[in-house]
């Protein structure tokens, strides 16, 4: 029996695939560049607002680095939007 969602380890699996969205095919991940692009397109008064420390990218940040991805898998802690990696960069899956 798999453990419950009380922060105990769990086994999960899922698929990471592109999907149809607004008549196009959405990629499986976005990048930091995409995050900044959405912020500029929609503005700081939108749901794409960035915290003050992220308005200017940190020096040396590779904007092509993937930021997040979509998957059918359960995520760390059992909540959607939870990190796929722990703070020390270990896989949470």
PDB file of N, CA and C in Angstrom:
ATOM      1  N   UNK A   1       0.839  -1.176   0.000  1.00  0.00           N
ATOM      2  CA  UNK A   1       0.000   0.000   0.000  1.00  0.00           C
ATOM      3  C   UNK A   1       0.891   1.249   0.000  1.00  0.00           C
ATOM      4  N   UNK A   2       0.599   2.157  -0.893  1.00  0.00           N
ATOM      5  CA  UNK A   2       1.380   3.404  -0.976  1.00  0.00           C
ATOM      6  C   UNK A   2       1.080   4.291   0.226  1.00  0.00           C
ATOM      7  N   UNK A   3       2.085   5.019   0.733  1.00  0.00           N
ATOM      8  CA  UNK A   3       1.851   5.929   1.855  1.00  0.00           C
ATOM      9  C   UNK A   3       0.902   7.057   1.478  1.00  0.00           C
ATOM     10  N   UNK A   4       0.322   7.688   2.475  1.00  0.00           N
ATOM     11  CA  UNK A   4      -0.577   8.818   2.213  1.00  0.00           C
ATOM     12  C   UNK A   4       0.235  10.081   1.939  1.00  0.00           C
ATOM     13  N   UNK A   5      -0.421  11.212   1.831  1.00  0.00           N
ATOM     14  CA  UNK A   5       0.238  12.474   1.446  1.00  0.00           C
ATOM     15  C   UNK A   5       0.771  13.229   2.654  1.00  0.00           C
ATOM     16  N   UNK A   6       1.277  12.534   3.642  1.00  0.00           N
ATOM     17  CA  UNK A   6       1.780  13.197   4.848  1.00  0.00           C
ATOM     18  C   UNK A   6       3.290  13.393   4.811  1.00  0.00           C
ATOM     19  N   UNK A   7       3.800  13.752   3.660  1.00  0.00           N
ATOM     20  CA  UNK A   7       5.230  14.013   3.441  1.00  0.00           C
ATOM     21  C   UNK A   7       6.083  12.758   3.496  1.00  0.00           C
ATOM     22  N   UNK A   8       5.466  11.605   3.444  1.00  0.00           N
ATOM     23  CA  UNK A   8       6.239  10.370   3.392  1.00  0.00           C
ATOM     24  C   UNK A   8       6.559  10.053   1.936  1.00  0.00           C
ATOM     25  N   UNK A   9       7.625   9.292   1.681  1.00  0.00           N
ATOM     26  CA  UNK A   9       7.992   8.974   0.296  1.00  0.00           C
ATOM     27  C   UNK A   9       6.865   8.232  -0.424  1.00  0.00           C
ATOM     28  N   UNK A  10       6.702   8.547  -1.693  1.00  0.00           N
ATOM     29  CA  UNK A  10       5.704   7.874  -2.514  1.00  0.00           C
ATOM     30  C   UNK A  10       6.312   7.549  -3.862  1.00  0.00           C
ATOM     31  N   UNK A  11       5.757   6.558  -4.519  1.00  0.00           N
ATOM     32  CA  UNK A  11       6.180   6.201  -5.865  1.00  0.00           C
ATOM     33  C   UNK A  11       5.167   6.803  -6.829  1.00  0.00           C
ATOM     34  N   UNK A  12       5.663   7.416  -7.886  1.00  0.00           N
ATOM     35  CA  UNK A  12       4.762   8.005  -8.869  1.00  0.00           C
ATOM     36  C   UNK A  12       5.373   7.865 -10.260  1.00  0.00           C
ATOM     37  N   UNK A  13       4.537   7.881 -11.249  1.00  0.00           N
ATOM     38  CA  UNK A  13       5.024   7.915 -12.619  1.00  0.00           C
ATOM     39  C   UNK A  13       4.027   8.685 -13.460  1.00  0.00           C
ATOM     40  N   UNK A  14       4.440   9.071 -14.623  1.00  0.00           N
ATOM     41  CA  UNK A  14       3.569   9.831 -15.500  1.00  0.00           C
ATOM     42  C   UNK A  14       4.262  10.085 -16.821  1.00  0.00           C
ATOM     43  N   UNK A  15       3.584  10.835 -17.664  1.00  0.00           N
ATOM     44  CA  UNK A  15       4.110  11.146 -18.995  1.00  0.00           C
ATOM     45  C   UNK A  15       4.330  12.643 -19.128  1.00  0.00           C
ATOM     46  N   UNK A  16       5.392  12.996 -19.815  1.00  0.00           N
ATOM     47  CA  UNK A  16       5.703  14.385 -20.130  1.00  0.00           C
ATOM     48  C   UNK A  16       5.602  14.492 -21.649  1.00  0.00           C
ATOM     49  N   UNK A  17       4.502  15.096 -22.112  1.00  0.00           N
ATOM     50  CA  UNK A  17       4.235  15.189 -23.544  1.00  0.00           C
ATOM     51  C   UNK A  17       3.660  16.559 -23.887  1.00  0.00           C
ATOM     52  N   UNK A  18       3.890  17.051 -25.122  1.00  0.00           N
ATOM     53  CA  UNK A  18       3.231  18.287 -25.546  1.00  0.00           C
ATOM     54  C   UNK A  18       1.720  18.058 -25.624  1.00  0.00           C
ATOM     55  N   UNK A  19       0.949  19.137 -25.631  1.00  0.00           N
ATOM     56  CA  UNK A  19      -0.505  19.015 -25.676  1.00  0.00           C
ATOM     57  C   UNK A  19      -1.103  20.143 -26.501  1.00  0.00           C
ATOM     58  N   UNK A  20      -2.335  19.928 -26.983  1.00  0.00           N
ATOM     59  CA  UNK A  20      -3.023  20.959 -27.766  1.00  0.00           C
ATOM     60  C   UNK A  20      -3.491  22.073 -26.832  1.00  0.00           C
ATOM     61  N   UNK A  21      -3.284  23.319 -27.276  1.00  0.00           N
ATOM     62  CA  UNK A  21      -3.658  24.478 -26.474  1.00  0.00           C
ATOM     63  C   UNK A  21      -3.926  25.658 -27.400  1.00  0.00           C
ATOM     64  N   UNK A  22      -5.117  26.190 -27.370  1.00  0.00           N
ATOM     65  CA  UNK A  22      -5.501  27.355 -28.180  1.00  0.00           C
ATOM     66  C   UNK A  22      -5.159  27.192 -29.658  1.00  0.00           C
ATOM     67  N   UNK A  23      -5.395  26.017 -30.191  1.00  0.00           N
ATOM     68  CA  UNK A  23      -5.156  25.775 -31.607  1.00  0.00           C
ATOM     69  C   UNK A  23      -3.705  25.543 -31.981  1.00  0.00           C
ATOM     70  N   UNK A  24      -2.819  25.444 -30.993  1.00  0.00           N
ATOM     71  CA  UNK A  24      -1.407  25.160 -31.252  1.00  0.00           C
ATOM     72  C   UNK A  24      -0.996  23.956 -30.404  1.00  0.00           C
ATOM     73  N   UNK A  25       0.237  23.588 -30.510  1.00  0.00           N
ATOM     74  CA  UNK A  25       0.791  22.532 -29.673  1.00  0.00           C
ATOM     75  C   UNK A  25       1.689  23.198 -28.627  1.00  0.00           C
ATOM     76  N   UNK A  26       1.315  23.048 -27.363  1.00  0.00           N
ATOM     77  CA  UNK A  26       2.104  23.626 -26.273  1.00  0.00           C
ATOM     78  C   UNK A  26       3.293  22.723 -25.974  1.00  0.00           C
ATOM     79  N   UNK A  27       4.465  23.295 -25.781  1.00  0.00           N
ATOM     80  CA  UNK A  27       5.631  22.473 -25.447  1.00  0.00           C
ATOM     81  C   UNK A  27       5.501  21.901 -24.034  1.00  0.00           C
ATOM     82  N   UNK A  28       6.320  20.924 -23.721  1.00  0.00           N
ATOM     83  CA  UNK A  28       6.243  20.279 -22.407  1.00  0.00           C
ATOM     84  C   UNK A  28       6.852  21.130 -21.302  1.00  0.00           C
ATOM     85  N   UNK A  29       7.641  22.118 -21.657  1.00  0.00           N
ATOM     86  CA  UNK A  29       8.241  22.953 -20.625  1.00  0.00           C
ATOM     87  C   UNK A  29       8.297  24.404 -21.096  1.00  0.00           C
ATOM     88  N   UNK A  30       8.501  25.285 -20.138  1.00  0.00           N
ATOM     89  CA  UNK A  30       8.803  26.669 -20.463  1.00  0.00           C
ATOM     90  C   UNK A  30      10.178  26.974 -19.900  1.00  0.00           C
ATOM     91  N   UNK A  31      10.741  28.062 -20.341  1.00  0.00           N
ATOM     92  CA  UNK A  31      12.083  28.460 -19.912  1.00  0.00           C
ATOM     93  C   UNK A  31      11.989  29.768 -19.137  1.00  0.00           C
ATOM     94  N   UNK A  32      13.093  30.181 -18.574  1.00  0.00           N
ATOM     95  CA  UNK A  32      13.128  31.493 -17.923  1.00  0.00           C
ATOM     96  C   UNK A  32      12.819  32.580 -18.949  1.00  0.00           C
ATOM     97  N   UNK A  33      13.298  32.387 -20.176  1.00  0.00           N
ATOM     98  CA  UNK A  33      12.983  33.350 -21.233  1.00  0.00           C
ATOM     99  C   UNK A  33      11.466  33.468 -21.396  1.00  0.00           C
ATOM    100  N   UNK A  34      10.764  32.341 -21.420  1.00  0.00           N
ATOM    101  CA  UNK A  34       9.310  32.356 -21.546  1.00  0.00           C
ATOM    102  C   UNK A  34       8.636  33.067 -20.384  1.00  0.00           C
ATOM    103  N   UNK A  35       9.186  32.897 -19.184  1.00  0.00           N
ATOM    104  CA  UNK A  35       8.644  33.579 -18.003  1.00  0.00           C
ATOM    105  C   UNK A  35       8.740  35.097 -18.182  1.00  0.00           C
ATOM    106  N   UNK A  36       9.915  35.564 -18.633  1.00  0.00           N
ATOM    107  CA  UNK A  36      10.089  37.005 -18.845  1.00  0.00           C
ATOM    108  C   UNK A  36       9.246  37.505 -20.016  1.00  0.00           C
ATOM    109  N   UNK A  37       9.114  36.696 -21.050  1.00  0.00           N
ATOM    110  CA  UNK A  37       8.297  37.074 -22.200  1.00  0.00           C
ATOM    111  C   UNK A  37       6.836  37.287 -21.783  1.00  0.00           C
ATOM    112  N   UNK A  38       6.301  36.390 -20.970  1.00  0.00           N
ATOM    113  CA  UNK A  38       4.918  36.535 -20.504  1.00  0.00           C
ATOM    114  C   UNK A  38       4.763  37.742 -19.586  1.00  0.00           C
ATOM    115  N   UNK A  39       5.769  38.006 -18.772  1.00  0.00           N
ATOM    116  CA  UNK A  39       5.714  39.170 -17.899  1.00  0.00           C
ATOM    117  C   UNK A  39       5.683  40.454 -18.709  1.00  0.00           C
ATOM    118  N   UNK A  40       6.522  40.549 -19.733  1.00  0.00           N
ATOM    119  CA  UNK A  40       6.554  41.748 -20.572  1.00  0.00           C
ATOM    120  C   UNK A  40       5.244  41.877 -21.359  1.00  0.00           C
ATOM    121  N   UNK A  41       4.738  40.770 -21.900  1.00  0.00           N
ATOM    122  CA  UNK A  41       3.522  40.804 -22.707  1.00  0.00           C
ATOM    123  C   UNK A  41       2.292  41.208 -21.894  1.00  0.00           C
ATOM    124  N   UNK A  42       2.218  40.755 -20.642  1.00  0.00           N
ATOM    125  CA  UNK A  42       1.014  40.995 -19.832  1.00  0.00           C
ATOM    126  C   UNK A  42       1.194  42.068 -18.769  1.00  0.00           C
ATOM    127  N   UNK A  43       2.422  42.360 -18.381  1.00  0.00           N
ATOM    128  CA  UNK A  43       2.696  43.436 -17.434  1.00  0.00           C
ATOM    129  C   UNK A  43       2.739  42.998 -15.983  1.00  0.00           C
ATOM    130  N   UNK A  44       3.300  43.876 -15.170  1.00  0.00           N
ATOM    131  CA  UNK A  44       3.456  43.627 -13.740  1.00  0.00           C
ATOM    132  C   UNK A  44       2.130  43.647 -12.980  1.00  0.00           C
ATOM    133  N   UNK A  45       1.066  44.141 -13.597  1.00  0.00           N
ATOM    134  CA  UNK A  45      -0.232  44.166 -12.928  1.00  0.00           C
ATOM    135  C   UNK A  45      -1.088  42.966 -13.322  1.00  0.00           C
ATOM    136  N   UNK A  46      -0.469  41.937 -13.852  1.00  0.00           N
ATOM    137  CA  UNK A  46      -1.198  40.761 -14.316  1.00  0.00           C
ATOM    138  C   UNK A  46      -0.828  39.543 -13.476  1.00  0.00           C
ATOM    139  N   UNK A  47      -1.420  38.414 -13.838  1.00  0.00           N
ATOM    140  CA  UNK A  47      -1.069  37.167 -13.160  1.00  0.00           C
ATOM    141  C   UNK A  47       0.365  36.739 -13.483  1.00  0.00           C
ATOM    142  N   UNK A  48       1.003  37.408 -14.423  1.00  0.00           N
ATOM    143  CA  UNK A  48       2.380  37.096 -14.806  1.00  0.00           C
ATOM    144  C   UNK A  48       3.379  38.019 -14.118  1.00  0.00           C
ATOM    145  N   UNK A  49       2.939  38.740 -13.101  1.00  0.00           N
ATOM    146  CA  UNK A  49       3.825  39.630 -12.348  1.00  0.00           C
ATOM    147  C   UNK A  49       4.961  38.830 -11.716  1.00  0.00           C
ATOM    148  N   UNK A  50       6.122  39.442 -11.662  1.00  0.00           N
ATOM    149  CA  UNK A  50       7.290  38.816 -11.055  1.00  0.00           C
ATOM    150  C   UNK A  50       7.607  39.479  -9.726  1.00  0.00           C
ATOM    151  N   UNK A  51       8.169  38.723  -8.788  1.00  0.00           N
ATOM    152  CA  UNK A  51       8.621  39.358  -7.555  1.00  0.00           C
ATOM    153  C   UNK A  51       9.740  40.347  -7.876  1.00  0.00           C
ATOM    154  N   UNK A  52       9.881  41.387  -7.069  1.00  0.00           N
ATOM    155  CA  UNK A  52      10.886  42.418  -7.364  1.00  0.00           C
ATOM    156  C   UNK A  52      12.278  41.872  -7.654  1.00  0.00           C
ATOM    157  N   UNK A  53      12.711  40.847  -6.935  1.00  0.00           N
ATOM    158  CA  UNK A  53      14.075  40.337  -7.148  1.00  0.00           C
ATOM    159  C   UNK A  53      14.244  39.639  -8.495  1.00  0.00           C
ATOM    160  N   UNK A  54      13.143  39.306  -9.197  1.00  0.00           N
ATOM    161  CA  UNK A  54      13.233  38.638 -10.489  1.00  0.00           C
ATOM    162  C   UNK A  54      12.945  39.564 -11.667  1.00  0.00           C
ATOM    163  N   UNK A  55      12.591  40.806 -11.442  1.00  0.00           N
ATOM    164  CA  UNK A  55      12.284  41.710 -12.548  1.00  0.00           C
ATOM    165  C   UNK A  55      13.505  41.878 -13.457  1.00  0.00           C
ATOM    166  N   UNK A  56      14.666  41.960 -12.878  1.00  0.00           N
ATOM    167  CA  UNK A  56      15.909  41.956 -13.652  1.00  0.00           C
ATOM    168  C   UNK A  56      16.549  40.584 -13.460  1.00  0.00           C
ATOM    169  N   UNK A  57      16.795  39.845 -14.548  1.00  0.00           N
ATOM    170  CA  UNK A  57      17.375  38.508 -14.393  1.00  0.00           C
ATOM    171  C   UNK A  57      18.721  38.554 -13.681  1.00  0.00           C
ATOM    172  N   UNK A  58      18.978  37.570 -12.822  1.00  0.00           N
ATOM    173  CA  UNK A  58      20.289  37.513 -12.166  1.00  0.00           C
ATOM    174  C   UNK A  58      21.402  37.385 -13.199  1.00  0.00           C
ATOM    175  N   UNK A  59      22.517  38.024 -12.937  1.00  0.00           N
ATOM    176  CA  UNK A  59      23.646  37.969 -13.853  1.00  0.00           C
ATOM    177  C   UNK A  59      24.076  36.517 -14.057  1.00  0.00           C
ATOM    178  N   UNK A  60      24.276  36.142 -15.315  1.00  0.00           N
ATOM    179  CA  UNK A  60      24.730  34.804 -15.645  1.00  0.00           C
ATOM    180  C   UNK A  60      23.622  33.780 -15.819  1.00  0.00           C
ATOM    181  N   UNK A  61      22.373  34.154 -15.577  1.00  0.00           N
ATOM    182  CA  UNK A  61      21.263  33.210 -15.742  1.00  0.00           C
ATOM    183  C   UNK A  61      21.079  32.885 -17.217  1.00  0.00           C
ATOM    184  N   UNK A  62      21.121  31.622 -17.568  1.00  0.00           N
ATOM    185  CA  UNK A  62      20.877  31.181 -18.936  1.00  0.00           C
ATOM    186  C   UNK A  62      19.366  31.129 -19.132  1.00  0.00           C
ATOM    187  N   UNK A  63      18.825  32.089 -19.876  1.00  0.00           N
ATOM    188  CA  UNK A  63      17.372  32.187 -20.044  1.00  0.00           C
ATOM    189  C   UNK A  63      16.783  31.011 -20.806  1.00  0.00           C
ATOM    190  N   UNK A  64      17.605  30.190 -21.434  1.00  0.00           N
ATOM    191  CA  UNK A  64      17.122  29.002 -22.131  1.00  0.00           C
ATOM    192  C   UNK A  64      16.932  27.816 -21.180  1.00  0.00           C
ATOM    193  N   UNK A  65      17.300  27.972 -19.920  1.00  0.00           N
ATOM    194  CA  UNK A  65      17.146  26.901 -18.935  1.00  0.00           C
ATOM    195  C   UNK A  65      15.673  26.609 -18.701  1.00  0.00           C
ATOM    196  N   UNK A  66      15.268  25.337 -18.781  1.00  0.00           N
ATOM    197  CA  UNK A  66      13.867  25.002 -18.486  1.00  0.00           C
ATOM    198  C   UNK A  66      13.503  25.407 -17.064  1.00  0.00           C
ATOM    199  N   UNK A  67      12.309  25.960 -16.913  1.00  0.00           N
ATOM    200  CA  UNK A  67      11.834  26.434 -15.617  1.00  0.00           C
ATOM    201  C   UNK A  67      10.813  25.482 -15.012  1.00  0.00           C
ATOM    202  N   UNK A  68       9.903  24.971 -15.843  1.00  0.00           N
ATOM    203  CA  UNK A  68       8.895  24.040 -15.350  1.00  0.00           C
ATOM    204  C   UNK A  68       8.424  23.160 -16.495  1.00  0.00           C
ATOM    205  N   UNK A  69       7.629  22.167 -16.187  1.00  0.00           N
ATOM    206  CA  UNK A  69       7.130  21.265 -17.220  1.00  0.00           C
ATOM    207  C   UNK A  69       5.764  20.728 -16.814  1.00  0.00           C
ATOM    208  N   UNK A  70       5.067  20.157 -17.775  1.00  0.00           N
ATOM    209  CA  UNK A  70       3.763  19.545 -17.503  1.00  0.00           C
ATOM    210  C   UNK A  70       3.917  18.035 -17.513  1.00  0.00           C
ATOM    211  N   UNK A  71       3.148  17.388 -16.671  1.00  0.00           N
ATOM    212  CA  UNK A  71       3.223  15.944 -16.553  1.00  0.00           C
ATOM    213  C   UNK A  71       1.908  15.423 -15.984  1.00  0.00           C
ATOM    214  N   UNK A  72       1.647  14.159 -16.238  1.00  0.00           N
ATOM    215  CA  UNK A  72       0.475  13.518 -15.648  1.00  0.00           C
ATOM    216  C   UNK A  72       0.821  12.879 -14.305  1.00  0.00           C
ATOM    217  N   UNK A  73       2.062  13.040 -13.842  1.00  0.00           N
ATOM    218  CA  UNK A  73       2.510  12.420 -12.595  1.00  0.00           C
ATOM    219  C   UNK A  73       2.060  13.215 -11.383  1.00  0.00           C
ATOM    220  N   UNK A  74       1.890  12.508 -10.265  1.00  0.00           N
ATOM    221  CA  UNK A  74       1.725  13.190  -8.990  1.00  0.00           C
ATOM    222  C   UNK A  74       3.009  13.937  -8.716  1.00  0.00           C
ATOM    223  N   UNK A  75       2.950  14.948  -7.870  1.00  0.00           N
ATOM    224  CA  UNK A  75       4.143  15.738  -7.619  1.00  0.00           C
ATOM    225  C   UNK A  75       4.517  15.709  -6.147  1.00  0.00           C
ATOM    226  N   UNK A  76       5.699  16.183  -5.866  1.00  0.00           N
ATOM    227  CA  UNK A  76       6.267  16.224  -4.515  1.00  0.00           C
ATOM    228  C   UNK A  76       5.284  16.858  -3.542  1.00  0.00           C
ATOM    229  N   UNK A  77       5.011  16.187  -2.475  1.00  0.00           N
ATOM    230  CA  UNK A  77       4.092  16.720  -1.479  1.00  0.00           C
ATOM    231  C   UNK A  77       2.638  16.518  -1.840  1.00  0.00           C
ATOM    232  N   UNK A  78       2.354  16.043  -3.059  1.00  0.00           N
ATOM    233  CA  UNK A  78       0.992  15.748  -3.455  1.00  0.00           C
ATOM    234  C   UNK A  78       0.190  16.925  -3.962  1.00  0.00           C
ATOM    235  N   UNK A  79       0.800  18.077  -4.158  1.00  0.00           N
ATOM    236  CA  UNK A  79       0.068  19.253  -4.623  1.00  0.00           C
ATOM    237  C   UNK A  79       0.503  19.635  -6.030  1.00  0.00           C
ATOM    238  N   UNK A  80      -0.455  20.024  -6.859  1.00  0.00           N
ATOM    239  CA  UNK A  80      -0.065  20.514  -8.177  1.00  0.00           C
ATOM    240  C   UNK A  80       0.766  21.777  -7.989  1.00  0.00           C
ATOM    241  N   UNK A  81       1.763  21.925  -8.818  1.00  0.00           N
ATOM    242  CA  UNK A  81       2.651  23.074  -8.690  1.00  0.00           C
ATOM    243  C   UNK A  81       3.810  22.828  -7.745  1.00  0.00           C
ATOM    244  N   UNK A  82       3.872  21.651  -7.142  1.00  0.00           N
ATOM    245  CA  UNK A  82       4.970  21.334  -6.234  1.00  0.00           C
ATOM    246  C   UNK A  82       6.251  21.110  -7.029  1.00  0.00           C
ATOM    247  N   UNK A  83       7.407  21.307  -6.397  1.00  0.00           N
ATOM    248  CA  UNK A  83       8.666  21.157  -7.122  1.00  0.00           C
ATOM    249  C   UNK A  83       8.937  19.715  -7.529  1.00  0.00           C
ATOM    250  N   UNK A  84       9.635  19.546  -8.631  1.00  0.00           N
ATOM    251  CA  UNK A  84      10.054  18.226  -9.074  1.00  0.00           C
ATOM    252  C   UNK A  84      11.389  17.853  -8.436  1.00  0.00           C
ATOM    253  N   UNK A  85      12.069  18.856  -7.885  1.00  0.00           N
ATOM    254  CA  UNK A  85      13.338  18.628  -7.213  1.00  0.00           C
ATOM    255  C   UNK A  85      13.290  19.274  -5.844  1.00  0.00           C
ATOM    256  N   UNK A  86      14.012  18.688  -4.904  1.00  0.00           N
ATOM    257  CA  UNK A  86      14.093  19.271  -3.572  1.00  0.00           C
ATOM    258  C   UNK A  86      15.055  20.451  -3.599  1.00  0.00           C
ATOM    259  N   UNK A  87      15.142  21.172  -2.509  1.00  0.00           N
ATOM    260  CA  UNK A  87      16.010  22.333  -2.434  1.00  0.00           C
ATOM    261  C   UNK A  87      17.469  22.008  -2.741  1.00  0.00           C
ATOM    262  N   UNK A  88      17.907  20.801  -2.388  1.00  0.00           N
ATOM    263  CA  UNK A  88      19.289  20.414  -2.668  1.00  0.00           C
ATOM    264  C   UNK A  88      19.424  19.696  -4.022  1.00  0.00           C
ATOM    265  N   UNK A  89      18.455  19.914  -4.920  1.00  0.00           N
ATOM    266  CA  UNK A  89      18.452  19.441  -6.303  1.00  0.00           C
ATOM    267  C   UNK A  89      18.377  17.932  -6.449  1.00  0.00           C
ATOM    268  N   UNK A  90      17.775  17.273  -5.478  1.00  0.00           N
ATOM    269  CA  UNK A  90      17.508  15.846  -5.605  1.00  0.00           C
ATOM    270  C   UNK A  90      16.112  15.683  -6.189  1.00  0.00           C
ATOM    271  N   UNK A  91      15.936  14.676  -7.013  1.00  0.00           N
ATOM    272  CA  UNK A  91      14.624  14.413  -7.589  1.00  0.00           C
ATOM    273  C   UNK A  91      13.638  14.099  -6.481  1.00  0.00           C
ATOM    274  N   UNK A  92      12.460  14.679  -6.570  1.00  0.00           N
ATOM    275  CA  UNK A  92      11.449  14.416  -5.548  1.00  0.00           C
ATOM    276  C   UNK A  92      10.555  13.261  -5.937  1.00  0.00           C
ATOM    277  N   UNK A  93      10.736  12.721  -7.133  1.00  0.00           N
ATOM    278  CA  UNK A  93       9.895  11.616  -7.594  1.00  0.00           C
ATOM    279  C   UNK A  93      10.326  10.313  -6.981  1.00  0.00           C
TER     280      UNK A  93
END
